[in-house]
């Protein structure tokens, strides 16, 4: 799969896009084959999009909690005298 930027152009009553030769060659595209195009014009991510993303892709649970990490940092950088 390749991601490219191209410009939509009017062709008669329709619109079309031109695929660069490099993409045509690397993807072995031929006339008449079916491809899928994902359209994201001026996509701006909202806070809601971020929340949905985090729900779908949760971070792994840490092995230690933040208090344990802070205590270790304290011991390493400010040892008791």
N, C-alpha and C. Protein backbone atom coordinates (compact mmCIF):
# COMPACT_ATOMS: atom_id res chain seq x y z
N UNK A 1 0.85 -1.18 0.00
CA UNK A 1 0.00 0.00 0.00
C UNK A 1 0.89 1.23 0.00
N UNK A 2 0.55 2.22 -0.79
CA UNK A 2 1.30 3.47 -0.85
C UNK A 2 0.37 4.61 -0.53
N UNK A 3 0.93 5.63 0.09
CA UNK A 3 0.16 6.83 0.38
C UNK A 3 0.70 7.94 -0.51
N UNK A 4 -0.18 8.58 -1.27
CA UNK A 4 0.24 9.64 -2.16
C UNK A 4 -0.70 10.84 -2.00
N UNK A 5 -0.23 11.99 -2.44
CA UNK A 5 -1.07 13.18 -2.52
C UNK A 5 -1.28 13.46 -4.00
N UNK A 6 -2.51 13.76 -4.38
CA UNK A 6 -2.81 14.11 -5.76
C UNK A 6 -3.94 15.12 -5.76
N UNK A 7 -4.23 15.68 -6.89
CA UNK A 7 -5.26 16.72 -7.00
C UNK A 7 -6.47 16.15 -7.75
N UNK A 8 -7.66 16.45 -7.25
CA UNK A 8 -8.89 16.04 -7.92
C UNK A 8 -9.13 17.00 -9.08
N UNK A 9 -9.44 16.44 -10.25
CA UNK A 9 -9.68 17.26 -11.44
C UNK A 9 -11.04 16.90 -12.04
N UNK A 10 -11.67 17.89 -12.64
CA UNK A 10 -12.97 17.67 -13.27
C UNK A 10 -12.77 17.05 -14.65
N UNK A 11 -13.49 15.96 -14.92
CA UNK A 11 -13.48 15.28 -16.21
C UNK A 11 -14.93 15.15 -16.66
N UNK A 12 -15.38 16.04 -17.52
CA UNK A 12 -16.79 16.02 -17.94
C UNK A 12 -17.67 16.34 -16.75
N UNK A 13 -18.63 15.45 -16.47
CA UNK A 13 -19.52 15.63 -15.32
C UNK A 13 -18.99 14.95 -14.07
N UNK A 14 -17.81 14.36 -14.16
CA UNK A 14 -17.24 13.60 -13.05
C UNK A 14 -15.95 14.25 -12.56
N UNK A 15 -15.37 13.66 -11.57
CA UNK A 15 -14.06 14.06 -11.07
C UNK A 15 -13.13 12.86 -11.14
N UNK A 16 -11.84 13.12 -11.28
CA UNK A 16 -10.88 12.03 -11.34
C UNK A 16 -9.56 12.44 -10.71
N UNK A 17 -8.71 11.46 -10.49
CA UNK A 17 -7.37 11.70 -9.97
C UNK A 17 -6.37 11.02 -10.89
N UNK A 18 -5.17 11.57 -10.93
CA UNK A 18 -4.10 10.98 -11.72
C UNK A 18 -3.12 10.32 -10.76
N UNK A 19 -2.80 9.06 -11.02
CA UNK A 19 -1.84 8.34 -10.20
C UNK A 19 -0.45 8.49 -10.80
N UNK A 20 0.54 8.83 -9.99
CA UNK A 20 1.90 8.96 -10.52
C UNK A 20 2.41 7.63 -11.09
N UNK A 21 3.25 7.73 -12.14
CA UNK A 21 3.79 6.54 -12.80
C UNK A 21 4.50 5.63 -11.82
N UNK A 22 5.22 6.20 -10.84
CA UNK A 22 5.93 5.40 -9.85
C UNK A 22 4.96 4.48 -9.09
N UNK A 23 3.80 5.03 -8.72
CA UNK A 23 2.79 4.23 -8.01
C UNK A 23 2.23 3.15 -8.92
N UNK A 24 1.93 3.53 -10.14
CA UNK A 24 1.39 2.56 -11.12
C UNK A 24 2.37 1.40 -11.29
N UNK A 25 3.66 1.73 -11.41
CA UNK A 25 4.67 0.69 -11.61
C UNK A 25 4.88 -0.16 -10.36
N UNK A 26 5.04 0.48 -9.19
CA UNK A 26 5.34 -0.29 -7.98
C UNK A 26 4.15 -1.14 -7.52
N UNK A 27 2.95 -0.68 -7.81
CA UNK A 27 1.76 -1.44 -7.42
C UNK A 27 1.25 -2.36 -8.54
N UNK A 28 1.97 -2.33 -9.67
CA UNK A 28 1.61 -3.17 -10.82
C UNK A 28 0.16 -2.96 -11.24
N UNK A 29 -0.24 -1.68 -11.34
CA UNK A 29 -1.62 -1.36 -11.72
C UNK A 29 -1.80 -1.50 -13.22
N UNK A 30 -2.94 -2.01 -13.62
CA UNK A 30 -3.28 -2.19 -15.03
C UNK A 30 -4.68 -1.63 -15.26
N UNK A 31 -4.94 -1.22 -16.48
CA UNK A 31 -6.27 -0.71 -16.81
C UNK A 31 -7.33 -1.77 -16.52
N UNK A 32 -8.41 -1.34 -15.88
CA UNK A 32 -9.53 -2.24 -15.62
C UNK A 32 -9.51 -2.92 -14.26
N UNK A 33 -8.37 -2.85 -13.52
CA UNK A 33 -8.39 -3.49 -12.20
C UNK A 33 -9.07 -2.56 -11.20
N UNK A 34 -9.57 -3.14 -10.15
CA UNK A 34 -10.26 -2.38 -9.12
C UNK A 34 -9.30 -2.03 -7.99
N UNK A 35 -9.32 -0.77 -7.54
CA UNK A 35 -8.51 -0.34 -6.40
C UNK A 35 -9.43 0.35 -5.40
N UNK A 36 -8.97 0.48 -4.17
CA UNK A 36 -9.72 1.19 -3.15
C UNK A 36 -8.97 2.47 -2.80
N UNK A 37 -9.70 3.57 -2.77
CA UNK A 37 -9.11 4.86 -2.43
C UNK A 37 -9.75 5.35 -1.15
N UNK A 38 -8.92 5.74 -0.18
CA UNK A 38 -9.41 6.32 1.06
C UNK A 38 -9.32 7.83 0.95
N UNK A 39 -10.42 8.51 1.20
CA UNK A 39 -10.45 9.97 1.04
C UNK A 39 -10.45 10.63 2.41
N UNK A 40 -9.46 11.52 2.60
CA UNK A 40 -9.35 12.28 3.84
C UNK A 40 -9.05 13.74 3.52
N UNK A 41 -10.01 14.47 2.94
CA UNK A 41 -9.72 15.86 2.60
C UNK A 41 -9.62 16.72 3.85
N UNK A 42 -8.49 17.41 3.97
CA UNK A 42 -8.28 18.34 5.09
C UNK A 42 -8.67 17.75 6.43
N UNK A 43 -8.30 16.51 6.67
CA UNK A 43 -8.67 15.82 7.91
C UNK A 43 -8.03 16.49 9.11
N UNK A 44 -8.84 16.91 10.04
CA UNK A 44 -8.37 17.50 11.28
C UNK A 44 -8.81 16.58 12.41
N UNK A 45 -7.87 16.19 13.26
CA UNK A 45 -8.20 15.29 14.36
C UNK A 45 -8.78 16.10 15.52
N UNK A 46 -9.92 15.67 16.01
CA UNK A 46 -10.56 16.33 17.14
C UNK A 46 -10.23 15.57 18.42
N UNK A 47 -10.59 16.17 19.54
CA UNK A 47 -10.40 15.50 20.83
C UNK A 47 -11.20 14.20 20.85
N UNK A 48 -12.39 14.22 20.28
CA UNK A 48 -13.20 13.01 20.20
C UNK A 48 -12.51 11.91 19.41
N UNK A 49 -11.83 12.29 18.31
CA UNK A 49 -11.06 11.32 17.51
C UNK A 49 -9.96 10.71 18.36
N UNK A 50 -9.27 11.55 19.14
CA UNK A 50 -8.19 11.05 20.00
C UNK A 50 -8.72 10.09 21.06
N UNK A 51 -9.84 10.44 21.66
CA UNK A 51 -10.44 9.57 22.69
C UNK A 51 -10.83 8.23 22.07
N UNK A 52 -11.45 8.25 20.88
CA UNK A 52 -11.81 7.01 20.20
C UNK A 52 -10.57 6.17 19.89
N UNK A 53 -9.49 6.84 19.44
CA UNK A 53 -8.25 6.13 19.14
C UNK A 53 -7.69 5.45 20.37
N UNK A 54 -7.66 6.17 21.49
CA UNK A 54 -7.12 5.61 22.74
C UNK A 54 -7.97 4.43 23.21
N UNK A 55 -9.28 4.52 23.05
CA UNK A 55 -10.16 3.41 23.43
C UNK A 55 -9.88 2.17 22.59
N UNK A 56 -9.60 2.38 21.30
CA UNK A 56 -9.34 1.26 20.40
C UNK A 56 -7.91 0.73 20.53
N UNK A 57 -6.98 1.58 21.00
CA UNK A 57 -5.57 1.21 21.10
C UNK A 57 -5.04 1.56 22.49
N UNK A 58 -5.51 0.86 23.53
CA UNK A 58 -5.07 1.22 24.88
C UNK A 58 -3.57 0.96 25.08
N UNK A 59 -2.97 1.78 25.92
CA UNK A 59 -1.56 1.59 26.25
C UNK A 59 -1.41 0.36 27.13
N UNK A 60 -0.28 -0.34 27.02
CA UNK A 60 -0.08 -1.51 27.90
C UNK A 60 0.02 -1.05 29.34
N UNK A 61 -0.41 -1.92 30.24
CA UNK A 61 -0.36 -1.59 31.66
C UNK A 61 1.11 -1.57 32.10
N UNK A 62 1.52 -0.48 32.79
CA UNK A 62 2.92 -0.40 33.23
C UNK A 62 3.23 -1.45 34.29
N UNK A 63 4.50 -1.84 34.34
CA UNK A 63 4.92 -2.85 35.32
C UNK A 63 5.00 -2.25 36.72
N UNK A 64 5.27 -0.94 36.79
CA UNK A 64 5.34 -0.26 38.09
C UNK A 64 4.46 0.99 38.03
N UNK A 65 3.96 1.42 39.19
CA UNK A 65 3.18 2.64 39.19
C UNK A 65 4.09 3.85 39.34
N UNK A 66 3.52 5.02 39.17
CA UNK A 66 4.34 6.23 39.16
C UNK A 66 5.00 6.50 40.50
N UNK A 67 4.37 6.09 41.61
CA UNK A 67 4.97 6.32 42.94
C UNK A 67 6.26 5.52 43.09
N UNK A 68 6.26 4.28 42.62
CA UNK A 68 7.48 3.46 42.68
C UNK A 68 8.60 4.08 41.84
N UNK A 69 8.24 4.58 40.69
CA UNK A 69 9.25 5.19 39.82
C UNK A 69 9.81 6.45 40.47
N UNK A 70 8.95 7.29 41.03
CA UNK A 70 9.42 8.51 41.68
C UNK A 70 10.30 8.20 42.89
N UNK A 71 9.95 7.16 43.66
CA UNK A 71 10.79 6.78 44.81
C UNK A 71 12.18 6.33 44.33
N UNK A 72 12.22 5.60 43.23
CA UNK A 72 13.51 5.17 42.68
C UNK A 72 14.34 6.38 42.23
N UNK A 73 13.70 7.33 41.58
CA UNK A 73 14.41 8.54 41.15
C UNK A 73 14.93 9.29 42.37
N UNK A 74 14.11 9.40 43.39
CA UNK A 74 14.55 10.07 44.63
C UNK A 74 15.77 9.37 45.21
N UNK A 75 15.75 8.05 45.30
CA UNK A 75 16.88 7.30 45.86
C UNK A 75 18.14 7.49 45.03
N UNK A 76 17.98 7.49 43.68
CA UNK A 76 19.15 7.61 42.80
C UNK A 76 19.75 9.00 42.80
N UNK A 77 18.92 10.03 42.82
CA UNK A 77 19.43 11.39 42.69
C UNK A 77 19.57 12.14 44.01
N UNK A 78 18.85 11.71 45.03
CA UNK A 78 18.95 12.36 46.34
C UNK A 78 19.06 11.30 47.44
N UNK A 79 20.19 10.63 47.46
CA UNK A 79 20.35 9.58 48.47
C UNK A 79 20.37 10.18 49.89
N UNK A 80 19.87 9.40 50.78
CA UNK A 80 19.89 9.85 52.18
C UNK A 80 21.31 9.90 52.68
N UNK A 81 21.63 10.91 53.48
CA UNK A 81 22.99 11.05 54.00
C UNK A 81 23.08 10.58 55.42
